[in-house]
Amino acid sequence: MLTGRKLALTLAFTVLVALAFGAGCRGFFPKPVLQSIAINPTSPQVNVGQTVNLQVFGTYDDGTRSQVTSGVGWSSAPTSVATITGTGSATLTGVASGNATITASAQALSATATATVIGNVTAITVSPTSGSISAGGSGAPFTFAATPGPPSFITADNGGTLVITPSDGNITCTVSTDNNSNPDELCTATAVGNGSYSIVMTYPSPTGGTVTSTPTATLTVH
C-alpha cells in the first residue's frame, strides 16, 4: 500500500509523464504548411460601377483546402479598368469596360485571375458585313459597334470574344484601328487556300448571358 508521501510523488510523476507525452504528440502533428493558393471565382465578372467579392483558397501539404482569411495582399492592373481592396476577402469594383489582371499573394505565394468588367451593351452590329483577302495576305478589318455603351466598340481586348467558323487555323484576327480611329478586328489569312468564314463577336450581357453581333460578317479567302 502506498503511503501518503509515496502517493503524492506517484501522482506528480504521472502528471509530468502526461505533460511530456502531450508535448511530444504536438511535435508529431505540426501545423499544415500552405503549398498553393487560388482566387475564387477564377474568372470574375463585374459590371461597370458595381462590385463583386473575391476570396483566396489555399491547398496545404496535408491535402486539405480551406479559405485564407487573413494576410492576403491584393492588386489590380490596370486600375483604370478595375480596383480591388481587402486583406482577406476582397471587393472588386468595375471602373471601365475591359480586362484586368487580379493578383493575390499570401505567405510568399501568389495567384492571378483575369477579371472582365462588363459595359452596358445590349446590341452589337458589324461593319462591313463582308470582306475578302488574298490567300496568305491580310487587310480585312471588321468593326463591331456597341449600343448603348460603354464601350462604344467591342474587341477581343475589352471583353469581347471573336468566333471564327470554321476554326481551321487559316484565319486570325487581331485588334487594330481603322482610318476613323475606331478599334476593329484586322483579319489575316495565314495559309494558302480558298474558303468562306463567318466572323461573329459576342460580349457579356449586363443582365446575364451574352450579346451576339448581328448580322454575321463573312470573310472570303481567294
C-alpha atoms as a PDB file:
ATOM      1  CA  MET A   1       0.000   0.000   0.000  1.00  0.00           C
ATOM      2  CA  LEU A   2       1.218   3.484  -0.905  1.00  0.00           C
ATOM      3  CA  THR A   3       1.795   5.891   1.914  1.00  0.00           C
ATOM      4  CA  GLY A   4       0.633   9.467   1.618  1.00  0.00           C
ATOM      5  CA  ARG A   5       4.091  10.711   0.619  1.00  0.00           C
ATOM      6  CA  LYS A   6       4.622   7.969  -1.932  1.00  0.00           C
ATOM      7  CA  LEU A   7       1.128   8.543  -3.355  1.00  0.00           C
ATOM      8  CA  ALA A   8       1.827  12.241  -3.844  1.00  0.00           C
ATOM      9  CA  LEU A   9       5.135  11.505  -5.592  1.00  0.00           C
ATOM     10  CA  THR A  10       3.454   8.940  -7.826  1.00  0.00           C
ATOM     11  CA  LEU A  11       0.726  11.381  -8.829  1.00  0.00           C
ATOM     12  CA  ALA A  12       3.277  14.108  -9.557  1.00  0.00           C
ATOM     13  CA  PHE A  13       5.309  11.727 -11.709  1.00  0.00           C
ATOM     14  CA  THR A  14       2.155  10.694 -13.596  1.00  0.00           C
ATOM     15  CA  VAL A  15       1.310  14.330 -14.312  1.00  0.00           C
ATOM     16  CA  LEU A  16       4.826  15.005 -15.611  1.00  0.00           C
ATOM     17  CA  VAL A  17       4.673  11.971 -17.902  1.00  0.00           C
ATOM     18  CA  ALA A  18       1.298  13.084 -19.255  1.00  0.00           C
ATOM     19  CA  LEU A  19       2.581  16.585 -19.954  1.00  0.00           C
ATOM     20  CA  ALA A  20       5.666  15.272 -21.695  1.00  0.00           C
ATOM     21  CA  PHE A  21       3.587  12.868 -23.777  1.00  0.00           C
ATOM     22  CA  GLY A  22       1.228  15.675 -24.798  1.00  0.00           C
ATOM     23  CA  ALA A  23       4.106  17.901 -25.856  1.00  0.00           C
ATOM     24  CA  GLY A  24       5.582  15.031 -27.835  1.00  0.00           C
ATOM     25  CA  CYS A  25       2.303  14.398 -29.609  1.00  0.00           C
ATOM     26  CA  ARG A  26       2.050  18.003 -30.618  1.00  0.00           C
ATOM     27  CA  GLY A  27       5.506  17.677 -32.132  1.00  0.00           C
ATOM     28  CA  PHE A  28       4.291  14.742 -34.229  1.00  0.00           C
ATOM     29  CA  PHE A  29       1.377  16.776 -35.632  1.00  0.00           C
ATOM     30  CA  PRO A  30       2.830  20.078 -36.948  1.00  0.00           C
ATOM     31  CA  LYS A  31       0.632  22.790 -38.393  1.00  0.00           C
ATOM     32  CA  PRO A  32      -0.120  22.196 -42.115  1.00  0.00           C
ATOM     33  CA  VAL A  33       2.032  24.263 -44.486  1.00  0.00           C
ATOM     34  CA  LEU A  34       0.403  26.307 -47.245  1.00  0.00           C
ATOM     35  CA  GLN A  35       1.519  24.976 -50.642  1.00  0.00           C
ATOM     36  CA  SER A  36      -0.515  26.958 -53.201  1.00  0.00           C
ATOM     37  CA  ILE A  37      -3.335  29.487 -53.440  1.00  0.00           C
ATOM     38  CA  ALA A  38      -6.088  30.197 -55.947  1.00  0.00           C
ATOM     39  CA  ILE A  39      -8.536  33.066 -56.467  1.00  0.00           C
ATOM     40  CA  ASN A  40     -12.247  32.324 -56.357  1.00  0.00           C
ATOM     41  CA  PRO A  41     -14.020  32.877 -58.679  1.00  0.00           C
ATOM     42  CA  THR A  42     -11.302  32.083 -61.216  1.00  0.00           C
ATOM     43  CA  SER A  43     -12.720  34.388 -63.932  1.00  0.00           C
ATOM     44  CA  PRO A  44     -14.679  37.100 -62.122  1.00  0.00           C
ATOM     45  CA  GLN A  45     -17.094  39.373 -63.976  1.00  0.00           C
ATOM     46  CA  VAL A  46     -18.444  42.685 -62.736  1.00  0.00           C
ATOM     47  CA  ASN A  47     -20.484  45.456 -64.306  1.00  0.00           C
ATOM     48  CA  VAL A  48     -19.121  48.991 -64.586  1.00  0.00           C
ATOM     49  CA  GLY A  49     -19.775  50.788 -61.285  1.00  0.00           C
ATOM     50  CA  GLN A  50     -20.666  47.602 -59.409  1.00  0.00           C
ATOM     51  CA  THR A  51     -18.765  45.271 -57.069  1.00  0.00           C
ATOM     52  CA  VAL A  52     -18.156  41.574 -56.541  1.00  0.00           C
ATOM     53  CA  ASN A  53     -16.421  39.713 -53.699  1.00  0.00           C
ATOM     54  CA  LEU A  54     -13.309  37.573 -54.241  1.00  0.00           C
ATOM     55  CA  GLN A  55     -11.704  35.022 -51.910  1.00  0.00           C
ATOM     56  CA  VAL A  56      -8.441  33.108 -51.753  1.00  0.00           C
ATOM     57  CA  PHE A  57      -8.399  29.361 -51.116  1.00  0.00           C
ATOM     58  CA  GLY A  58      -5.232  27.571 -50.064  1.00  0.00           C
ATOM     59  CA  THR A  59      -4.083  23.992 -50.549  1.00  0.00           C
ATOM     60  CA  TYR A  60      -1.907  22.613 -47.728  1.00  0.00           C
ATOM     61  CA  ASP A  61       0.767  19.921 -47.585  1.00  0.00           C
ATOM     62  CA  ASP A  62      -1.624  17.522 -45.851  1.00  0.00           C
ATOM     63  CA  GLY A  63      -4.039  17.683 -48.802  1.00  0.00           C
ATOM     64  CA  THR A  64      -6.641  19.893 -47.130  1.00  0.00           C
ATOM     65  CA  ARG A  65      -8.075  23.021 -48.749  1.00  0.00           C
ATOM     66  CA  SER A  66      -9.621  25.998 -46.991  1.00  0.00           C
ATOM     67  CA  GLN A  67     -10.159  29.726 -47.357  1.00  0.00           C
ATOM     68  CA  VAL A  68      -7.271  32.001 -46.415  1.00  0.00           C
ATOM     69  CA  THR A  69      -8.984  34.664 -44.326  1.00  0.00           C
ATOM     70  CA  SER A  70      -6.098  36.941 -43.320  1.00  0.00           C
ATOM     71  CA  GLY A  71      -2.751  38.193 -44.535  1.00  0.00           C
ATOM     72  CA  VAL A  72      -3.772  38.306 -48.185  1.00  0.00           C
ATOM     73  CA  GLY A  73      -2.481  41.115 -50.394  1.00  0.00           C
ATOM     74  CA  TRP A  74      -4.453  42.143 -53.478  1.00  0.00           C
ATOM     75  CA  SER A  75      -3.668  44.192 -56.577  1.00  0.00           C
ATOM     76  CA  SER A  76      -5.342  45.011 -59.903  1.00  0.00           C
ATOM     77  CA  ALA A  77      -3.802  46.121 -63.193  1.00  0.00           C
ATOM     78  CA  PRO A  78      -4.781  48.357 -64.785  1.00  0.00           C
ATOM     79  CA  THR A  79      -6.664  50.206 -62.072  1.00  0.00           C
ATOM     80  CA  SER A  80      -8.365  52.233 -64.804  1.00  0.00           C
ATOM     81  CA  VAL A  81     -10.408  49.081 -65.533  1.00  0.00           C
ATOM     82  CA  ALA A  82     -10.911  47.656 -62.018  1.00  0.00           C
ATOM     83  CA  THR A  83      -9.833  48.322 -58.451  1.00  0.00           C
ATOM     84  CA  ILE A  84      -9.639  45.905 -55.537  1.00  0.00           C
ATOM     85  CA  THR A  85      -9.453  46.337 -51.768  1.00  0.00           C
ATOM     86  CA  GLY A  86      -9.220  43.935 -48.821  1.00  0.00           C
ATOM     87  CA  THR A  87      -6.803  41.847 -46.759  1.00  0.00           C
ATOM     88  CA  GLY A  88      -8.735  38.569 -46.593  1.00  0.00           C
ATOM     89  CA  SER A  89     -11.775  38.562 -48.826  1.00  0.00           C
ATOM     90  CA  ALA A  90     -11.613  41.425 -51.318  1.00  0.00           C
ATOM     91  CA  THR A  91     -14.023  43.757 -53.084  1.00  0.00           C
ATOM     92  CA  LEU A  92     -13.550  44.104 -56.847  1.00  0.00           C
ATOM     93  CA  THR A  93     -15.034  47.280 -58.357  1.00  0.00           C
ATOM     94  CA  GLY A  94     -15.629  47.745 -62.081  1.00  0.00           C
ATOM     95  CA  VAL A  95     -14.324  51.112 -63.327  1.00  0.00           C
ATOM     96  CA  ALA A  96     -14.381  50.809 -67.137  1.00  0.00           C
ATOM     97  CA  SER A  97     -15.127  48.016 -69.595  1.00  0.00           C
ATOM     98  CA  GLY A  98     -12.207  45.717 -70.351  1.00  0.00           C
ATOM     99  CA  ASN A  99      -9.996  43.118 -68.716  1.00  0.00           C
ATOM    100  CA  ALA A 100      -7.858  43.486 -65.592  1.00  0.00           C
ATOM    101  CA  THR A 101      -5.320  41.125 -64.048  1.00  0.00           C
ATOM    102  CA  ILE A 102      -6.067  40.427 -60.391  1.00  0.00           C
ATOM    103  CA  THR A 103      -3.184  39.212 -58.210  1.00  0.00           C
ATOM    104  CA  ALA A 104      -3.449  37.767 -54.711  1.00  0.00           C
ATOM    105  CA  SER A 105      -0.447  36.980 -52.503  1.00  0.00           C
ATOM    106  CA  ALA A 106      -0.135  35.152 -49.192  1.00  0.00           C
ATOM    107  CA  GLN A 107       2.861  33.625 -47.393  1.00  0.00           C
ATOM    108  CA  ALA A 108       5.209  34.209 -50.370  1.00  0.00           C
ATOM    109  CA  LEU A 109       2.719  32.516 -52.729  1.00  0.00           C
ATOM    110  CA  SER A 110       0.734  34.247 -55.458  1.00  0.00           C
ATOM    111  CA  ALA A 111      -2.183  33.597 -57.805  1.00  0.00           C
ATOM    112  CA  THR A 112      -3.720  35.548 -60.678  1.00  0.00           C
ATOM    113  CA  ALA A 113      -7.128  35.772 -62.320  1.00  0.00           C
ATOM    114  CA  THR A 114      -8.479  37.763 -65.246  1.00  0.00           C
ATOM    115  CA  ALA A 115     -11.437  39.952 -64.347  1.00  0.00           C
ATOM    116  CA  THR A 116     -13.846  41.125 -67.032  1.00  0.00           C
ATOM    117  CA  VAL A 117     -15.564  44.445 -66.446  1.00  0.00           C
ATOM    118  CA  ILE A 118     -18.805  44.476 -68.402  1.00  0.00           C
ATOM    119  CA  GLY A 119     -20.200  47.602 -70.002  1.00  0.00           C
ATOM    120  CA  ASN A 120     -23.804  48.446 -70.823  1.00  0.00           C
ATOM    121  CA  VAL A 121     -24.139  46.685 -74.181  1.00  0.00           C
ATOM    122  CA  THR A 122     -27.468  45.346 -75.435  1.00  0.00           C
ATOM    123  CA  ALA A 123     -26.739  45.160 -79.180  1.00  0.00           C
ATOM    124  CA  ILE A 124     -23.701  44.732 -81.458  1.00  0.00           C
ATOM    125  CA  THR A 125     -23.574  45.500 -85.181  1.00  0.00           C
ATOM    126  CA  VAL A 126     -20.708  44.774 -87.575  1.00  0.00           C
ATOM    127  CA  SER A 127     -19.367  46.822 -90.475  1.00  0.00           C
ATOM    128  CA  PRO A 128     -18.737  45.825 -93.188  1.00  0.00           C
ATOM    129  CA  THR A 129     -20.840  42.687 -93.333  1.00  0.00           C
ATOM    130  CA  SER A 130     -18.474  41.033 -95.822  1.00  0.00           C
ATOM    131  CA  GLY A 131     -14.854  41.230 -96.880  1.00  0.00           C
ATOM    132  CA  SER A 132     -12.229  39.350 -98.841  1.00  0.00           C
ATOM    133  CA  ILE A 133      -8.470  38.847 -98.727  1.00  0.00           C
ATOM    134  CA  SER A 134      -5.932  37.000-100.800  1.00  0.00           C
ATOM    135  CA  ALA A 135      -4.601  33.701 -99.503  1.00  0.00           C
ATOM    136  CA  GLY A 136      -1.582  34.395 -97.321  1.00  0.00           C
ATOM    137  CA  GLY A 137      -2.462  38.085 -97.018  1.00  0.00           C
ATOM    138  CA  SER A 138      -4.196  40.470 -94.626  1.00  0.00           C
ATOM    139  CA  GLY A 139      -6.295  43.615 -94.638  1.00  0.00           C
ATOM    140  CA  ALA A 140      -9.889  42.658 -93.868  1.00  0.00           C
ATOM    141  CA  PRO A 141     -10.999  44.865 -90.921  1.00  0.00           C
ATOM    142  CA  PHE A 142     -14.358  44.387 -89.197  1.00  0.00           C
ATOM    143  CA  THR A 143     -15.682  46.970 -86.746  1.00  0.00           C
ATOM    144  CA  PHE A 144     -18.121  45.854 -84.029  1.00  0.00           C
ATOM    145  CA  ALA A 145     -20.150  48.810 -82.771  1.00  0.00           C
ATOM    146  CA  ALA A 146     -21.980  48.515 -79.444  1.00  0.00           C
ATOM    147  CA  THR A 147     -25.115  50.244 -78.170  1.00  0.00           C
ATOM    148  CA  PRO A 148     -25.845  51.962 -75.904  1.00  0.00           C
ATOM    149  CA  GLY A 149     -22.395  51.503 -74.324  1.00  0.00           C
ATOM    150  CA  PRO A 150     -19.906  51.982 -72.917  1.00  0.00           C
ATOM    151  CA  PRO A 151     -17.894  50.613 -74.603  1.00  0.00           C
ATOM    152  CA  SER A 152     -18.763  52.090 -77.978  1.00  0.00           C
ATOM    153  CA  PHE A 153     -16.862  49.349 -79.823  1.00  0.00           C
ATOM    154  CA  ILE A 154     -16.256  45.703 -78.923  1.00  0.00           C
ATOM    155  CA  THR A 155     -12.907  43.994 -79.450  1.00  0.00           C
ATOM    156  CA  ALA A 156     -11.169  40.918 -78.108  1.00  0.00           C
ATOM    157  CA  ASP A 157      -9.136  43.312 -75.929  1.00  0.00           C
ATOM    158  CA  ASN A 158     -12.020  44.805 -73.936  1.00  0.00           C
ATOM    159  CA  GLY A 159     -14.024  41.708 -73.074  1.00  0.00           C
ATOM    160  CA  GLY A 160     -15.382  40.563 -76.423  1.00  0.00           C
ATOM    161  CA  THR A 161     -14.979  37.040 -77.792  1.00  0.00           C
ATOM    162  CA  LEU A 162     -14.392  36.655 -81.525  1.00  0.00           C
ATOM    163  CA  VAL A 163     -15.616  33.402 -83.035  1.00  0.00           C
ATOM    164  CA  ILE A 164     -14.310  32.339 -86.472  1.00  0.00           C
ATOM    165  CA  THR A 165     -16.087  29.468 -88.230  1.00  0.00           C
ATOM    166  CA  PRO A 166     -14.673  27.135 -89.412  1.00  0.00           C
ATOM    167  CA  SER A 167     -11.860  27.369 -86.864  1.00  0.00           C
ATOM    168  CA  ASP A 168      -9.237  25.693 -89.036  1.00  0.00           C
ATOM    169  CA  GLY A 169      -6.362  27.997 -88.113  1.00  0.00           C
ATOM    170  CA  ASN A 170      -6.215  29.668 -91.527  1.00  0.00           C
ATOM    171  CA  ILE A 171      -7.778  32.911 -90.259  1.00  0.00           C
ATOM    172  CA  THR A 172      -6.545  35.002 -87.348  1.00  0.00           C
ATOM    173  CA  CYS A 173      -7.795  38.441 -86.322  1.00  0.00           C
ATOM    174  CA  THR A 174      -6.034  40.978 -84.141  1.00  0.00           C
ATOM    175  CA  VAL A 175      -7.183  44.310 -82.745  1.00  0.00           C
ATOM    176  CA  SER A 176      -6.233  47.273 -84.896  1.00  0.00           C
ATOM    177  CA  THR A 177      -7.521  50.794 -85.697  1.00  0.00           C
ATOM    178  CA  ASP A 178      -9.065  51.899 -88.988  1.00  0.00           C
ATOM    179  CA  ASN A 179      -8.950  55.316 -90.636  1.00  0.00           C
ATOM    180  CA  ASN A 180     -11.857  56.553 -88.491  1.00  0.00           C
ATOM    181  CA  SER A 181      -9.918  55.779 -85.294  1.00  0.00           C
ATOM    182  CA  ASN A 182     -12.402  53.047 -84.411  1.00  0.00           C
ATOM    183  CA  PRO A 183     -10.960  49.836 -82.946  1.00  0.00           C
ATOM    184  CA  ASP A 184     -11.600  46.818 -85.145  1.00  0.00           C
ATOM    185  CA  GLU A 185     -10.504  43.265 -85.771  1.00  0.00           C
ATOM    186  CA  LEU A 186      -7.993  43.058 -88.645  1.00  0.00           C
ATOM    187  CA  CYS A 187      -8.103  39.591 -90.171  1.00  0.00           C
ATOM    188  CA  THR A 188      -5.260  37.707 -91.822  1.00  0.00           C
ATOM    189  CA  ALA A 189      -5.181  34.519 -93.878  1.00  0.00           C
ATOM    190  CA  THR A 190      -2.206  32.556 -92.560  1.00  0.00           C
ATOM    191  CA  ALA A 191      -2.308  29.761 -95.108  1.00  0.00           C
ATOM    192  CA  VAL A 192      -2.870  29.375 -98.824  1.00  0.00           C
ATOM    193  CA  GLY A 193      -6.336  28.165 -99.729  1.00  0.00           C
ATOM    194  CA  ASN A 194      -9.847  29.136-100.719  1.00  0.00           C
ATOM    195  CA  GLY A 195     -12.745  29.382 -98.308  1.00  0.00           C
ATOM    196  CA  SER A 196     -15.508  31.399 -96.710  1.00  0.00           C
ATOM    197  CA  TYR A 197     -15.517  32.192 -92.986  1.00  0.00           C
ATOM    198  CA  SER A 198     -18.088  33.673 -90.625  1.00  0.00           C
ATOM    199  CA  ILE A 199     -16.849  36.269 -88.120  1.00  0.00           C
ATOM    200  CA  VAL A 200     -19.016  36.716 -85.010  1.00  0.00           C
ATOM    201  CA  MET A 201     -18.387  38.816 -81.882  1.00  0.00           C
ATOM    202  CA  THR A 202     -20.016  38.095 -78.532  1.00  0.00           C
ATOM    203  CA  TYR A 203     -19.983  40.171 -75.359  1.00  0.00           C
ATOM    204  CA  PRO A 204     -21.295  39.509 -71.837  1.00  0.00           C
ATOM    205  CA  SER A 205     -24.716  40.980 -71.217  1.00  0.00           C
ATOM    206  CA  PRO A 206     -25.059  43.248 -68.166  1.00  0.00           C
ATOM    207  CA  THR A 207     -28.138  41.223 -67.224  1.00  0.00           C
ATOM    208  CA  GLY A 208     -26.508  37.818 -67.756  1.00  0.00           C
ATOM    209  CA  GLY A 209     -25.890  35.712 -70.852  1.00  0.00           C
ATOM    210  CA  THR A 210     -24.269  37.164 -73.946  1.00  0.00           C
ATOM    211  CA  VAL A 211     -24.919  39.698 -76.697  1.00  0.00           C
ATOM    212  CA  THR A 212     -24.142  38.474 -80.228  1.00  0.00           C
ATOM    213  CA  SER A 213     -23.247  40.642 -83.213  1.00  0.00           C
ATOM    214  CA  THR A 214     -25.855  40.900 -85.960  1.00  0.00           C
ATOM    215  CA  PRO A 215     -25.629  40.439 -88.850  1.00  0.00           C
ATOM    216  CA  THR A 216     -22.753  37.986 -89.177  1.00  0.00           C
ATOM    217  CA  ALA A 217     -19.702  39.159 -91.097  1.00  0.00           C
ATOM    218  CA  THR A 218     -18.482  36.909 -93.921  1.00  0.00           C
ATOM    219  CA  LEU A 219     -14.828  36.735 -94.922  1.00  0.00           C
ATOM    220  CA  THR A 220     -13.815  35.152 -98.219  1.00  0.00           C
ATOM    221  CA  VAL A 221     -10.274  33.979 -98.915  1.00  0.00           C
ATOM    222  CA  HIS A 222      -9.362  33.832-102.603  1.00  0.00           C
END
